[in-house]
C-alpha atoms as a PDB file:
ATOM      1  CA  MET A   1      60.729 -99.971  93.049  1.00  0.00           C
ATOM      2  CA  SER A   2      58.933 -97.816  95.989  1.00  0.00           C
ATOM      3  CA  ARG A   3      57.195 -99.512  98.646  1.00  0.00           C
ATOM      4  CA  SER A   4      53.916 -97.697  96.964  1.00  0.00           C
ATOM      5  CA  ASP A   5      54.966 -99.439  93.545  1.00  0.00           C
ATOM      6  CA  GLU A   6      55.689-102.727  95.321  1.00  0.00           C
ATOM      7  CA  ARG A   7      52.453-102.735  97.062  1.00  0.00           C
ATOM      8  CA  GLU A   8      50.727-101.482  93.965  1.00  0.00           C
ATOM      9  CA  VAL A   9      51.838-104.613  91.753  1.00  0.00           C
ATOM     10  CA  VAL A  10      51.156-106.953  94.841  1.00  0.00           C
ATOM     11  CA  ARG A  11      47.643-105.937  94.770  1.00  0.00           C
ATOM     12  CA  ARG A  12      47.073-105.795  90.660  1.00  0.00           C
ATOM     13  CA  GLY A  13      48.693-109.496  90.707  1.00  0.00           C
ATOM     14  CA  TYR A  14      46.098-110.184  93.432  1.00  0.00           C
ATOM     15  CA  ASP A  15      42.987-108.037  91.415  1.00  0.00           C
ATOM     16  CA  ALA A  16      44.165-109.905  88.035  1.00  0.00           C
ATOM     17  CA  LEU A  17      44.972-113.700  89.144  1.00  0.00           C
ATOM     18  CA  SER A  18      42.970-114.178  92.004  1.00  0.00           C
ATOM     19  CA  TYR A  19      40.689-116.701  90.528  1.00  0.00           C
ATOM     20  CA  HIS A  20      44.028-118.680  89.230  1.00  0.00           C
ATOM     21  CA  TYR A  21      45.408-118.831  92.735  1.00  0.00           C
ATOM     22  CA  ARG A  22      41.540-120.617  94.553  1.00  0.00           C
ATOM     23  CA  SER A  23      38.765-121.286  93.008  1.00  0.00           C
ATOM     24  CA  ASP A  24      35.597-120.657  95.098  1.00  0.00           C
ATOM     25  CA  ASP A  25      35.744-124.096  96.058  1.00  0.00           C
ATOM     26  CA  ALA A  26      38.866-125.065  97.088  1.00  0.00           C
ATOM     27  CA  ASP A  27      39.245-127.156  99.983  1.00  0.00           C
ATOM     28  CA  ASP A  28      41.863-126.610 103.152  1.00  0.00           C
ATOM     29  CA  GLY A  29      44.261-128.322 101.970  1.00  0.00           C
ATOM     30  CA  GLN A  30      47.421-127.947 103.394  1.00  0.00           C
ATOM     31  CA  TYR A  31      45.742-125.457 105.606  1.00  0.00           C
ATOM     32  CA  ALA A  32      43.484-128.187 106.942  1.00  0.00           C
ATOM     33  CA  PRO A  33      46.036-128.955 110.617  1.00  0.00           C
ATOM     34  CA  TRP A  34      47.135-125.633 110.673  1.00  0.00           C
ATOM     35  CA  LEU A  35      43.223-124.431 111.027  1.00  0.00           C
ATOM     36  CA  ALA A  36      42.278-127.669 113.351  1.00  0.00           C
ATOM     37  CA  GLY A  37      44.993-126.478 115.906  1.00  0.00           C
ATOM     38  CA  LEU A  38      44.068-122.407 115.825  1.00  0.00           C
ATOM     39  CA  HIS A  39      40.161-124.373 116.305  1.00  0.00           C
ATOM     40  CA  GLU A  40      41.320-126.219 119.725  1.00  0.00           C
ATOM     41  CA  ARG A  41      43.021-122.782 120.762  1.00  0.00           C
ATOM     42  CA  LEU A  42      40.159-120.656 119.984  1.00  0.00           C
ATOM     43  CA  PRO A  43      38.078-119.847 122.942  1.00  0.00           C
ATOM     44  CA  ALA A  44      34.102-120.320 121.462  1.00  0.00           C
ATOM     45  CA  SER A  45      33.205-117.785 119.236  1.00  0.00           C
ATOM     46  CA  ALA A  46      36.598-115.920 119.364  1.00  0.00           C
ATOM     47  CA  ALA A  47      37.457-112.747 117.663  1.00  0.00           C
ATOM     48  CA  VAL A  48      40.009-113.844 114.097  1.00  0.00           C
ATOM     49  CA  LEU A  49      41.470-111.492 112.353  1.00  0.00           C
ATOM     50  CA  ASP A  50      42.825-113.369 108.790  1.00  0.00           C
ATOM     51  CA  LEU A  51      44.986-110.754 107.573  1.00  0.00           C
ATOM     52  CA  GLY A  52      45.515-110.886 103.739  1.00  0.00           C
ATOM     53  CA  CYS A  53      42.584-113.235 103.890  1.00  0.00           C
ATOM     54  CA  GLY A  54      42.403-113.653 100.270  1.00  0.00           C
ATOM     55  CA  CYS A  55      39.105-114.776  98.235  1.00  0.00           C
ATOM     56  CA  GLY A  56      38.205-115.893 101.739  1.00  0.00           C
ATOM     57  CA  VAL A  57      39.061-119.654 101.606  1.00  0.00           C
ATOM     58  CA  PRO A  58      39.740-121.492 103.337  1.00  0.00           C
ATOM     59  CA  VAL A  59      40.731-119.512 106.364  1.00  0.00           C
ATOM     60  CA  ALA A  60      37.787-117.472 106.898  1.00  0.00           C
ATOM     61  CA  ARG A  61      34.815-119.788 105.611  1.00  0.00           C
ATOM     62  CA  PHE A  62      36.729-122.710 108.161  1.00  0.00           C
ATOM     63  CA  LEU A  63      36.679-119.927 111.219  1.00  0.00           C
ATOM     64  CA  ALA A  64      33.176-118.795 110.238  1.00  0.00           C
ATOM     65  CA  ASP A  65      31.629-122.610 110.446  1.00  0.00           C
ATOM     66  CA  ALA A  66      33.673-122.629 113.576  1.00  0.00           C
ATOM     67  CA  GLY A  67      30.944-120.341 114.604  1.00  0.00           C
ATOM     68  CA  HIS A  68      33.952-117.661 115.178  1.00  0.00           C
ATOM     69  CA  ARG A  69      34.171-114.009 114.594  1.00  0.00           C
ATOM     70  CA  VAL A  70      35.965-112.905 111.588  1.00  0.00           C
ATOM     71  CA  THR A  71      37.389-109.703 110.074  1.00  0.00           C
ATOM     72  CA  GLY A  72      39.348-110.530 107.023  1.00  0.00           C
ATOM     73  CA  VAL A  73      41.638-108.099 105.282  1.00  0.00           C
ATOM     74  CA  ASP A  74      43.474-108.053 102.185  1.00  0.00           C
ATOM     75  CA  ILE A  75      44.946-104.790  99.716  1.00  0.00           C
ATOM     76  CA  SER A  76      43.117-106.476  96.586  1.00  0.00           C
ATOM     77  CA  ASP A  77      39.950-105.675  95.950  1.00  0.00           C
ATOM     78  CA  VAL A  78      38.581-108.503  93.906  1.00  0.00           C
ATOM     79  CA  GLN A  79      39.687-110.202  96.284  1.00  0.00           C
ATOM     80  CA  ILE A  80      37.843-108.678  99.413  1.00  0.00           C
ATOM     81  CA  GLU A  81      34.387-108.906  96.961  1.00  0.00           C
ATOM     82  CA  ARG A  82      35.183-112.267  97.075  1.00  0.00           C
ATOM     83  CA  ALA A  83      35.263-113.249 100.296  1.00  0.00           C
ATOM     84  CA  ARG A  84      32.197-111.223 101.084  1.00  0.00           C
ATOM     85  CA  ARG A  85      30.046-113.486  98.987  1.00  0.00           C
ATOM     86  CA  LEU A  86      31.556-116.889 100.174  1.00  0.00           C
ATOM     87  CA  VAL A  87      31.872-115.811 103.603  1.00  0.00           C
ATOM     88  CA  PRO A  88      28.364-113.562 104.115  1.00  0.00           C
ATOM     89  CA  ASN A  89      29.424-114.159 107.861  1.00  0.00           C
ATOM     90  CA  GLY A  90      32.361-112.728 108.020  1.00  0.00           C
ATOM     91  CA  THR A  91      33.634-108.669 107.622  1.00  0.00           C
ATOM     92  CA  PHE A  92      35.845-107.933 105.320  1.00  0.00           C
ATOM     93  CA  LEU A  93      37.652-105.128 104.758  1.00  0.00           C
ATOM     94  CA  ARG A  94      40.060-103.432 101.544  1.00  0.00           C
ATOM     95  CA  ALA A  95      43.110-101.713 102.943  1.00  0.00           C
ATOM     96  CA  ASP A  96      46.398-102.306 103.533  1.00  0.00           C
ATOM     97  CA  ALA A  97      47.888-104.274 106.466  1.00  0.00           C
ATOM     98  CA  THR A  98      50.817-102.112 107.542  1.00  0.00           C
ATOM     99  CA  ARG A  99      47.733 -98.673 106.996  1.00  0.00           C
ATOM    100  CA  LEU A 100      45.583-100.618 109.509  1.00  0.00           C
ATOM    101  CA  GLU A 101      44.307 -98.850 113.006  1.00  0.00           C
ATOM    102  CA  LEU A 102      43.098-101.779 115.746  1.00  0.00           C
ATOM    103  CA  PRO A 103      41.497-101.410 118.673  1.00  0.00           C
ATOM    104  CA  PRO A 104      44.209-102.557 121.370  1.00  0.00           C
ATOM    105  CA  ALA A 105      43.958-106.557 122.556  1.00  0.00           C
ATOM    106  CA  SER A 106      40.819-106.701 120.048  1.00  0.00           C
ATOM    107  CA  PHE A 107      41.628-110.398 118.460  1.00  0.00           C
ATOM    108  CA  ASP A 108      42.254-113.856 120.345  1.00  0.00           C
ATOM    109  CA  ALA A 109      43.937-115.085 116.851  1.00  0.00           C
ATOM    110  CA  VAL A 110      45.244-113.551 113.923  1.00  0.00           C
ATOM    111  CA  VAL A 111      46.274-115.363 111.062  1.00  0.00           C
ATOM    112  CA  CYS A 112      48.165-114.054 108.394  1.00  0.00           C
ATOM    113  CA  LEU A 113      49.423-117.091 105.241  1.00  0.00           C
ATOM    114  CA  TYR A 114      50.961-116.053 102.945  1.00  0.00           C
ATOM    115  CA  ALA A 115      50.899-112.456 103.364  1.00  0.00           C
ATOM    116  CA  VAL A 116      53.862-110.976 105.679  1.00  0.00           C
ATOM    117  CA  ILE A 117      56.257-111.961 102.525  1.00  0.00           C
ATOM    118  CA  HIS A 118      54.615-109.742 100.263  1.00  0.00           C
ATOM    119  CA  VAL A 119      55.030-106.459 102.703  1.00  0.00           C
ATOM    120  CA  PRO A 120      57.772-104.277 101.378  1.00  0.00           C
ATOM    121  CA  LEU A 121      60.789-106.075 104.272  1.00  0.00           C
ATOM    122  CA  ALA A 122      61.476-102.085 106.134  1.00  0.00           C
ATOM    123  CA  ASP A 123      57.600-102.476 106.766  1.00  0.00           C
ATOM    124  CA  GLN A 124      57.476-106.304 108.367  1.00  0.00           C
ATOM    125  CA  PRO A 125      58.650-105.274 111.790  1.00  0.00           C
ATOM    126  CA  GLN A 126      56.093-103.004 112.460  1.00  0.00           C
ATOM    127  CA  LEU A 127      53.506-104.909 111.222  1.00  0.00           C
ATOM    128  CA  ILE A 128      54.788-108.020 113.579  1.00  0.00           C
ATOM    129  CA  LYS A 129      54.655-105.694 116.356  1.00  0.00           C
ATOM    130  CA  SER A 130      51.087-104.029 115.322  1.00  0.00           C
ATOM    131  CA  ILE A 131      49.763-107.280 115.227  1.00  0.00           C
ATOM    132  CA  ALA A 132      50.830-108.293 118.701  1.00  0.00           C
ATOM    133  CA  THR A 133      49.075-104.937 120.052  1.00  0.00           C
ATOM    134  CA  TRP A 134      46.095-106.681 118.865  1.00  0.00           C
ATOM    135  CA  LEU A 135      46.055-109.539 120.509  1.00  0.00           C
ATOM    136  CA  ARG A 136      44.746-110.079 123.530  1.00  0.00           C
ATOM    137  CA  PRO A 137      46.458-111.473 126.298  1.00  0.00           C
ATOM    138  CA  GLY A 138      46.708-115.113 125.833  1.00  0.00           C
ATOM    139  CA  GLY A 139      46.103-114.291 121.796  1.00  0.00           C
ATOM    140  CA  TRP A 140      47.579-116.837 118.949  1.00  0.00           C
ATOM    141  CA  LEU A 141      49.151-115.770 116.115  1.00  0.00           C
ATOM    142  CA  LEU A 142      49.113-117.953 113.250  1.00  0.00           C
ATOM    143  CA  THR A 143      51.818-117.034 110.126  1.00  0.00           C
ATOM    144  CA  THR A 144      53.678-118.233 107.476  1.00  0.00           C
ATOM    145  CA  VAL A 145      56.606-115.874 106.531  1.00  0.00           C
ATOM    146  CA  GLY A 146      60.270-116.667 104.807  1.00  0.00           C
ATOM    147  CA  SER A 147      62.593-118.920 105.514  1.00  0.00           C
ATOM    148  CA  SER A 148      65.780-117.615 103.266  1.00  0.00           C
ATOM    149  CA  ASP A 149      66.251-114.152 102.514  1.00  0.00           C
ATOM    150  CA  TRP A 150      65.140-113.440  99.441  1.00  0.00           C
ATOM    151  CA  THR A 151      63.206-110.001  97.070  1.00  0.00           C
ATOM    152  CA  GLY A 152      62.108-110.353  93.375  1.00  0.00           C
ATOM    153  CA  THR A 153      59.639-110.606  90.902  1.00  0.00           C
ATOM    154  CA  GLU A 154      58.060-112.672  89.220  1.00  0.00           C
ATOM    155  CA  ASP A 155      56.129-112.147  86.045  1.00  0.00           C
ATOM    156  CA  ASN A 156      53.315-114.184  84.187  1.00  0.00           C
ATOM    157  CA  TRP A 157      52.354-115.724  87.731  1.00  0.00           C
ATOM    158  CA  LEU A 158      50.238-118.812  87.630  1.00  0.00           C
ATOM    159  CA  ASP A 159      50.482-118.449  84.375  1.00  0.00           C
ATOM    160  CA  GLY A 160      48.824-115.613  83.899  1.00  0.00           C
ATOM    161  CA  ASN A 161      49.291-112.177  82.416  1.00  0.00           C
ATOM    162  CA  ALA A 162      50.284-110.341  85.775  1.00  0.00           C
ATOM    163  CA  THR A 163      53.555-109.908  88.106  1.00  0.00           C
ATOM    164  CA  MET A 164      53.887-110.634  91.332  1.00  0.00           C
ATOM    165  CA  TRP A 165      56.509-109.334  93.812  1.00  0.00           C
ATOM    166  CA  TRP A 166      57.896-110.522  97.283  1.00  0.00           C
ATOM    167  CA  SER A 167      60.430-109.541  99.449  1.00  0.00           C
ATOM    168  CA  GLN A 168      61.158-112.137 102.903  1.00  0.00           C
ATOM    169  CA  ALA A 169      64.012-112.055 105.737  1.00  0.00           C
ATOM    170  CA  ASP A 170      65.298-114.873 106.943  1.00  0.00           C
ATOM    171  CA  ALA A 171      63.074-117.461 109.928  1.00  0.00           C
ATOM    172  CA  SER A 172      65.785-116.313 112.530  1.00  0.00           C
ATOM    173  CA  SER A 173      64.984-112.467 111.931  1.00  0.00           C
ATOM    174  CA  TYR A 174      61.449-113.492 112.158  1.00  0.00           C
ATOM    175  CA  ARG A 175      62.081-114.843 115.169  1.00  0.00           C
ATOM    176  CA  SER A 176      64.049-112.440 116.302  1.00  0.00           C
ATOM    177  CA  TRP A 177      61.278-109.750 115.572  1.00  0.00           C
ATOM    178  CA  LEU A 178      58.280-112.105 117.435  1.00  0.00           C
ATOM    179  CA  ARG A 179      60.189-111.900 120.563  1.00  0.00           C
ATOM    180  CA  GLN A 180      60.808-108.451 120.185  1.00  0.00           C
ATOM    181  CA  ALA A 181      56.989-107.573 119.599  1.00  0.00           C
ATOM    182  CA  GLY A 182      56.612-109.338 123.077  1.00  0.00           C
ATOM    183  CA  LEU A 183      54.874-112.736 121.855  1.00  0.00           C
ATOM    184  CA  THR A 184      56.338-115.830 122.535  1.00  0.00           C
ATOM    185  CA  VAL A 185      56.677-118.381 119.965  1.00  0.00           C
ATOM    186  CA  SER A 186      55.778-122.307 120.731  1.00  0.00           C
ATOM    187  CA  ALA A 187      55.955-123.604 117.305  1.00  0.00           C
ATOM    188  CA  GLU A 188      58.159-123.514 114.272  1.00  0.00           C
ATOM    189  CA  ASP A 189      57.602-125.339 111.519  1.00  0.00           C
ATOM    190  CA  PHE A 190      59.329-125.752 107.852  1.00  0.00           C
ATOM    191  CA  ILE A 191      56.579-125.856 104.973  1.00  0.00           C
ATOM    192  CA  PRO A 192      58.332-127.013 101.956  1.00  0.00           C
ATOM    193  CA  GLU A 193      57.211-125.732  98.678  1.00  0.00           C
ATOM    194  CA  GLY A 194      59.146-126.265  95.341  1.00  0.00           C
ATOM    195  CA  GLY A 195      63.079-126.295  95.370  1.00  0.00           C
ATOM    196  CA  SER A 196      62.856-124.110  98.873  1.00  0.00           C
ATOM    197  CA  GLY A 197      59.656-123.228 101.214  1.00  0.00           C
ATOM    198  CA  HIS A 198      58.583-121.059 103.880  1.00  0.00           C
ATOM    199  CA  THR A 199      58.786-120.987 107.949  1.00  0.00           C
ATOM    200  CA  LEU A 200      55.397-121.283 110.107  1.00  0.00           C
ATOM    201  CA  PHE A 201      55.197-120.231 113.574  1.00  0.00           C
ATOM    202  CA  TRP A 202      52.951-120.093 116.594  1.00  0.00           C
ATOM    203  CA  ALA A 203      53.531-117.275 118.614  1.00  0.00           C
ATOM    204  CA  GLN A 204      51.072-116.452 121.755  1.00  0.00           C
ATOM    205  CA  ARG A 205      50.873-113.300 123.178  1.00  0.00           C
ATOM    206  CA  PRO A 206      51.876-113.581 126.918  1.00  0.00           C
ATOM    207  CA  GLN A 207      48.784-114.052 129.653  1.00  0.00           C
ATOM    208  CA  SER A 208      50.127-111.024 131.654  1.00  0.00           C
END
């Protein structure tokens, strides 16, 4: 499968199963402590990029309600349409994260939860480098990535009529890529899911 085909599988999957994945009125769930921790680290009215924002719930909604200026990006048209409706104070772009062109040092934080693992593996180190350039000095990256190596698809994802695709490296690879991008890893946690799980990283761009 080519990289463009992989991206198309992800886009179609979220277009088809957006509401299966998360309802309009979903609560913050497991994201709640992460978002509270991010809010504590941010200045007032911070500029935050929600990369792989989905329908805007819960990340963009939480940040906008807390008074931050949120820009959300997602590959799915349906997800972006919902985000614009559910988080009217946010700015939302339908785009491929790996092809984004954003000004350097334009965000106080980048949030990328359960999204890097939908990007072709060969493109992930460069995406992390791009994220590092978008952060202001002292800015934070909050991201969930792989814990172990795996690439594959799941048919009838979420018991729906669509296929989903993922590709991820192991935690040590992501730790290395974050450092190569010039970010300092301040915390790392294992987030269990089913029989495996993901890795949550807090990483910061140095002040100088």
